[in-house]
C-alpha atoms as a PDB file:
ATOM      1  CA  MET A   1     -40.244 -26.987  42.142  1.00  0.00           C
ATOM      2  CA  LYS A   2     -38.269 -29.224  44.403  1.00  0.00           C
ATOM      3  CA  PRO A   3     -35.476 -27.755  46.537  1.00  0.00           C
ATOM      4  CA  TYR A   4     -32.713 -29.338  44.425  1.00  0.00           C
ATOM      5  CA  GLU A   5     -34.287 -27.917  41.241  1.00  0.00           C
ATOM      6  CA  ILE A   6     -34.340 -24.438  42.780  1.00  0.00           C
ATOM      7  CA  ALA A   7     -30.690 -24.872  43.770  1.00  0.00           C
ATOM      8  CA  LEU A   8     -29.764 -25.972  40.211  1.00  0.00           C
ATOM      9  CA  VAL A   9     -31.541 -22.950  38.715  1.00  0.00           C
ATOM     10  CA  GLY A  10     -29.709 -20.699  41.175  1.00  0.00           C
ATOM     11  CA  VAL A  11     -26.321 -22.227  40.314  1.00  0.00           C
ATOM     12  CA  ALA A  12     -27.065 -21.956  36.578  1.00  0.00           C
ATOM     13  CA  ALA A  13     -28.033 -18.286  37.005  1.00  0.00           C
ATOM     14  CA  LEU A  14     -24.793 -17.587  38.889  1.00  0.00           C
ATOM     15  CA  VAL A  15     -22.737 -19.306  36.192  1.00  0.00           C
ATOM     16  CA  ILE A  16     -24.479 -17.269  33.480  1.00  0.00           C
ATOM     17  CA  LEU A  17     -23.917 -14.028  35.411  1.00  0.00           C
ATOM     18  CA  PHE A  18     -20.244 -14.911  35.912  1.00  0.00           C
ATOM     19  CA  LEU A  19     -19.779 -15.645  32.207  1.00  0.00           C
ATOM     20  CA  LEU A  20     -21.547 -12.428  31.225  1.00  0.00           C
ATOM     21  CA  TYR A  21     -19.419 -10.428  33.671  1.00  0.00           C
ATOM     22  CA  SER A  22     -16.245 -12.080  32.331  1.00  0.00           C
ATOM     23  CA  PHE A  23     -17.244 -11.251  28.765  1.00  0.00           C
ATOM     24  CA  LEU A  24     -18.105  -7.627  29.527  1.00  0.00           C
ATOM     25  CA  THR A  25     -14.929  -6.938  31.507  1.00  0.00           C
ATOM     26  CA  ALA A  26     -12.449  -8.881  29.346  1.00  0.00           C
ATOM     27  CA  LYS A  27      -9.545  -6.696  28.264  1.00  0.00           C
ATOM     28  CA  GLY A  28      -6.342  -7.616  26.496  1.00  0.00           C
ATOM     29  CA  ALA A  29      -2.823  -6.325  27.054  1.00  0.00           C
ATOM     30  CA  ASN A  30      -1.819  -3.053  25.423  1.00  0.00           C
ATOM     31  CA  LYS A  31       1.051  -3.174  22.941  1.00  0.00           C
ATOM     32  CA  LYS A  32       2.535  -1.157  20.143  1.00  0.00           C
ATOM     33  CA  VAL A  33       2.744  -2.487  16.608  1.00  0.00           C
ATOM     34  CA  THR A  34       4.449  -0.796  13.700  1.00  0.00           C
ATOM     35  CA  ILE A  35       3.227  -1.043  10.151  1.00  0.00           C
ATOM     36  CA  ALA A  36       6.218  -0.807   7.829  1.00  0.00           C
ATOM     37  CA  ASN A  37       5.734   0.064   4.167  1.00  0.00           C
ATOM     38  CA  PRO A  38       8.104  -0.891   1.338  1.00  0.00           C
ATOM     39  CA  ASP A  39       8.930   2.798   0.701  1.00  0.00           C
ATOM     40  CA  GLY A  40      10.419   3.062   4.207  1.00  0.00           C
ATOM     41  CA  SER A  41       7.478   4.906   5.770  1.00  0.00           C
ATOM     42  CA  SER A  42       5.854   3.484   8.886  1.00  0.00           C
ATOM     43  CA  VAL A  43       3.121   4.165  11.409  1.00  0.00           C
ATOM     44  CA  ASP A  44       2.904   3.041  15.039  1.00  0.00           C
ATOM     45  CA  VAL A  45      -0.438   1.763  16.323  1.00  0.00           C
ATOM     46  CA  GLN A  46      -1.338   1.294  19.986  1.00  0.00           C
ATOM     47  CA  VAL A  47      -3.365  -1.905  20.154  1.00  0.00           C
ATOM     48  CA  GLU A  48      -5.284  -3.959  22.618  1.00  0.00           C
ATOM     49  CA  VAL A  49      -4.310  -7.586  22.048  1.00  0.00           C
ATOM     50  CA  ALA A  50      -7.103 -10.119  21.608  1.00  0.00           C
ATOM     51  CA  ASP A  51      -5.377 -13.477  21.956  1.00  0.00           C
ATOM     52  CA  THR A  52      -7.990 -15.639  23.668  1.00  0.00           C
ATOM     53  CA  PRO A  53     -11.280 -17.033  22.370  1.00  0.00           C
ATOM     54  CA  LEU A  54     -13.177 -14.745  24.784  1.00  0.00           C
ATOM     55  CA  MET A  55     -11.336 -11.663  23.505  1.00  0.00           C
ATOM     56  CA  HIS A  56     -11.821 -12.820  19.904  1.00  0.00           C
ATOM     57  CA  MET A  57     -15.586 -12.948  20.520  1.00  0.00           C
ATOM     58  CA  LYS A  58     -15.730  -9.588  22.243  1.00  0.00           C
ATOM     59  CA  GLY A  59     -13.473  -7.669  19.883  1.00  0.00           C
ATOM     60  CA  LEU A  60     -14.380  -3.985  19.750  1.00  0.00           C
ATOM     61  CA  MET A  61     -18.011  -4.536  20.735  1.00  0.00           C
ATOM     62  CA  GLY A  62     -19.506  -1.599  22.562  1.00  0.00           C
ATOM     63  CA  ARG A  63     -16.690   0.836  21.788  1.00  0.00           C
ATOM     64  CA  LYS A  64     -17.818   4.303  20.703  1.00  0.00           C
ATOM     65  CA  SER A  65     -14.578   5.440  19.064  1.00  0.00           C
ATOM     66  CA  LEU A  66     -10.948   4.667  18.301  1.00  0.00           C
ATOM     67  CA  GLY A  67      -8.073   7.117  18.121  1.00  0.00           C
ATOM     68  CA  GLU A  68      -6.433   7.681  14.749  1.00  0.00           C
ATOM     69  CA  THR A  69      -3.592   5.285  15.598  1.00  0.00           C
ATOM     70  CA  GLU A  70      -5.410   2.891  17.920  1.00  0.00           C
ATOM     71  CA  GLY A  71      -6.804  -0.538  17.229  1.00  0.00           C
ATOM     72  CA  MET A  72      -7.196  -4.133  18.264  1.00  0.00           C
ATOM     73  CA  LEU A  73      -4.810  -6.875  17.220  1.00  0.00           C
ATOM     74  CA  PHE A  74      -6.352 -10.343  16.992  1.00  0.00           C
ATOM     75  CA  VAL A  75      -3.703 -13.033  17.415  1.00  0.00           C
ATOM     76  CA  PHE A  76      -4.664 -16.569  16.452  1.00  0.00           C
ATOM     77  CA  GLN A  77      -2.821 -19.727  17.430  1.00  0.00           C
ATOM     78  CA  ASN A  78      -2.541 -20.909  13.819  1.00  0.00           C
ATOM     79  CA  GLU A  79      -2.881 -19.387  10.391  1.00  0.00           C
ATOM     80  CA  GLY A  80      -6.349 -19.819   8.959  1.00  0.00           C
ATOM     81  CA  ILE A  81      -9.377 -18.152   7.413  1.00  0.00           C
ATOM     82  CA  TYR A  82     -10.900 -15.932  10.122  1.00  0.00           C
ATOM     83  CA  PRO A  83     -14.233 -14.281   9.263  1.00  0.00           C
ATOM     84  CA  PHE A  84     -15.456 -11.289  11.275  1.00  0.00           C
ATOM     85  CA  TRP A  85     -18.786  -9.606  11.826  1.00  0.00           C
ATOM     86  CA  MET A  86     -19.605  -6.257  13.376  1.00  0.00           C
ATOM     87  CA  LEU A  87     -22.370  -7.160  15.845  1.00  0.00           C
ATOM     88  CA  ASN A  88     -22.733  -4.511  18.588  1.00  0.00           C
ATOM     89  CA  THR A  89     -19.982  -2.499  16.918  1.00  0.00           C
ATOM     90  CA  THR A  90     -20.536   1.157  16.047  1.00  0.00           C
ATOM     91  CA  ILE A  91     -17.194   2.059  14.436  1.00  0.00           C
ATOM     92  CA  PRO A  92     -16.555   1.423  10.712  1.00  0.00           C
ATOM     93  CA  LEU A  93     -13.287  -0.538  10.568  1.00  0.00           C
ATOM     94  CA  ASP A  94     -10.543  -1.791   8.299  1.00  0.00           C
ATOM     95  CA  ALA A  95      -9.604  -5.402   9.053  1.00  0.00           C
ATOM     96  CA  ILE A  96      -5.949  -5.775   8.068  1.00  0.00           C
ATOM     97  CA  TYR A  97      -5.056  -9.457   7.691  1.00  0.00           C
ATOM     98  CA  ALA A  98      -1.410 -10.521   8.022  1.00  0.00           C
ATOM     99  CA  ASP A  99       0.273 -13.901   7.690  1.00  0.00           C
ATOM    100  CA  LYS A 100       2.621 -15.478  10.246  1.00  0.00           C
ATOM    101  CA  THR A 101       5.507 -13.271   9.058  1.00  0.00           C
ATOM    102  CA  GLY A 102       3.416 -10.119   9.512  1.00  0.00           C
ATOM    103  CA  THR A 103       3.069  -9.495   5.775  1.00  0.00           C
ATOM    104  CA  ILE A 104      -0.294  -7.903   4.991  1.00  0.00           C
ATOM    105  CA  VAL A 105      -2.272 -10.278   2.794  1.00  0.00           C
ATOM    106  CA  GLU A 106      -5.690  -8.600   2.687  1.00  0.00           C
ATOM    107  CA  VAL A 107      -7.647  -5.560   3.845  1.00  0.00           C
ATOM    108  CA  ILE A 108     -11.419  -5.639   4.289  1.00  0.00           C
ATOM    109  CA  ALA A 109     -13.497  -2.525   4.988  1.00  0.00           C
ATOM    110  CA  MET A 110     -16.235  -3.459   7.473  1.00  0.00           C
ATOM    111  CA  GLU A 111     -19.424  -1.532   8.239  1.00  0.00           C
ATOM    112  CA  PRO A 112     -21.041  -1.771  11.699  1.00  0.00           C
ATOM    113  CA  CYS A 113     -24.419  -3.423  12.099  1.00  0.00           C
ATOM    114  CA  GLY A 114     -25.239  -2.534  15.713  1.00  0.00           C
ATOM    115  CA  PHE A 115     -27.523  -5.146  17.275  1.00  0.00           C
ATOM    116  CA  ASN A 116     -29.186  -6.178  14.001  1.00  0.00           C
ATOM    117  CA  ILE A 117     -28.221  -9.857  14.125  1.00  0.00           C
ATOM    118  CA  THR A 118     -30.444 -10.793  11.170  1.00  0.00           C
ATOM    119  CA  ASP A 119     -28.747  -8.333   8.820  1.00  0.00           C
ATOM    120  CA  CYS A 120     -25.194  -8.397  10.166  1.00  0.00           C
ATOM    121  CA  LYS A 121     -22.814  -9.165   7.317  1.00  0.00           C
ATOM    122  CA  VAL A 122     -20.029 -11.691   7.838  1.00  0.00           C
ATOM    123  CA  TYR A 123     -16.762 -10.520   6.283  1.00  0.00           C
ATOM    124  CA  ARG A 124     -14.827 -13.524   4.976  1.00  0.00           C
ATOM    125  CA  PRO A 125     -11.224 -13.145   3.843  1.00  0.00           C
ATOM    126  CA  ILE A 126      -9.880 -15.156   0.938  1.00  0.00           C
ATOM    127  CA  ASN A 127      -6.347 -15.431   2.353  1.00  0.00           C
ATOM    128  CA  ILE A 128      -5.038 -17.220   5.411  1.00  0.00           C
ATOM    129  CA  ALA A 129      -3.769 -15.081   8.250  1.00  0.00           C
ATOM    130  CA  LYS A 130      -2.413 -15.354  11.781  1.00  0.00           C
ATOM    131  CA  TYR A 131      -3.071 -11.711  12.724  1.00  0.00           C
ATOM    132  CA  VAL A 132      -5.938  -9.318  12.100  1.00  0.00           C
ATOM    133  CA  LEU A 133      -5.531  -5.657  12.988  1.00  0.00           C
ATOM    134  CA  GLU A 134      -8.759  -3.672  13.322  1.00  0.00           C
ATOM    135  CA  VAL A 135      -8.359   0.090  12.893  1.00  0.00           C
ATOM    136  CA  ASN A 136     -10.615   2.939  11.780  1.00  0.00           C
ATOM    137  CA  MET A 137     -11.950   2.550   8.252  1.00  0.00           C
ATOM    138  CA  GLY A 138      -9.729   4.361   5.758  1.00  0.00           C
ATOM    139  CA  PHE A 139      -6.554   3.841   7.809  1.00  0.00           C
ATOM    140  CA  SER A 140      -5.124   1.477   5.166  1.00  0.00           C
ATOM    141  CA  LYS A 141      -5.522   4.027   2.363  1.00  0.00           C
ATOM    142  CA  THR A 142      -4.362   6.968   4.487  1.00  0.00           C
ATOM    143  CA  HIS A 143      -1.127   5.159   5.337  1.00  0.00           C
ATOM    144  CA  ASP A 144      -0.608   3.647   1.846  1.00  0.00           C
ATOM    145  CA  LEU A 145      -0.582   0.019   2.959  1.00  0.00           C
ATOM    146  CA  SER A 146       0.475  -2.330   0.189  1.00  0.00           C
ATOM    147  CA  ILE A 147      -0.835  -5.900   0.149  1.00  0.00           C
ATOM    148  CA  GLY A 148       2.030  -8.368  -0.053  1.00  0.00           C
ATOM    149  CA  LYS A 149       4.611  -5.693   0.776  1.00  0.00           C
ATOM    150  CA  SER A 150       3.611  -3.802   3.930  1.00  0.00           C
ATOM    151  CA  ARG A 151       4.213  -5.609   7.214  1.00  0.00           C
ATOM    152  CA  ILE A 152       2.904  -5.552  10.761  1.00  0.00           C
ATOM    153  CA  VAL A 153       5.868  -5.623  13.145  1.00  0.00           C
ATOM    154  CA  LEU A 154       5.099  -6.580  16.733  1.00  0.00           C
ATOM    155  CA  ASP A 155       6.953  -4.703  19.473  1.00  0.00           C
ATOM    156  CA  SER A 156       7.712  -7.347  22.095  1.00  0.00           C
ATOM    157  CA  THR A 157       9.082  -4.773  24.558  1.00  0.00           C
ATOM    158  CA  SER A 158       5.851  -2.798  25.091  1.00  0.00           C
ATOM    159  CA  ASN A 159       3.317  -3.818  27.707  1.00  0.00           C
END
């Protein structure tokens, strides 16, 4: 190898290491959201906000557990169809899809697939959403969420 080729390989390796480090250490802001039901009941959820493409990719990868009222809130720039998969995820989750007003439009129960990329199911919603709240599987039933009626309310004062 010529000296400039060795230098290019070194620079490429540093860039890859930087990107990997950025991915592994990425963490969103913590906020509180409230899920309000039509019967007047509600539940507060402490969430980590995933509002960048890097955080969208990372999601809850590598996490071993979530508290009963903890989760991750994916915030997308526009409403759309946002499929998810559970690669390198060990926690069974409910994906609660909400439109731009916060109204819950769909709930999908998602099973983890670990590192098995060849057999990792992609969960595709049928409704457009701007927000997706990932919480422990069964959360939606436990808290009687009602599609089209329950709402995710963002608390803009928490940090």
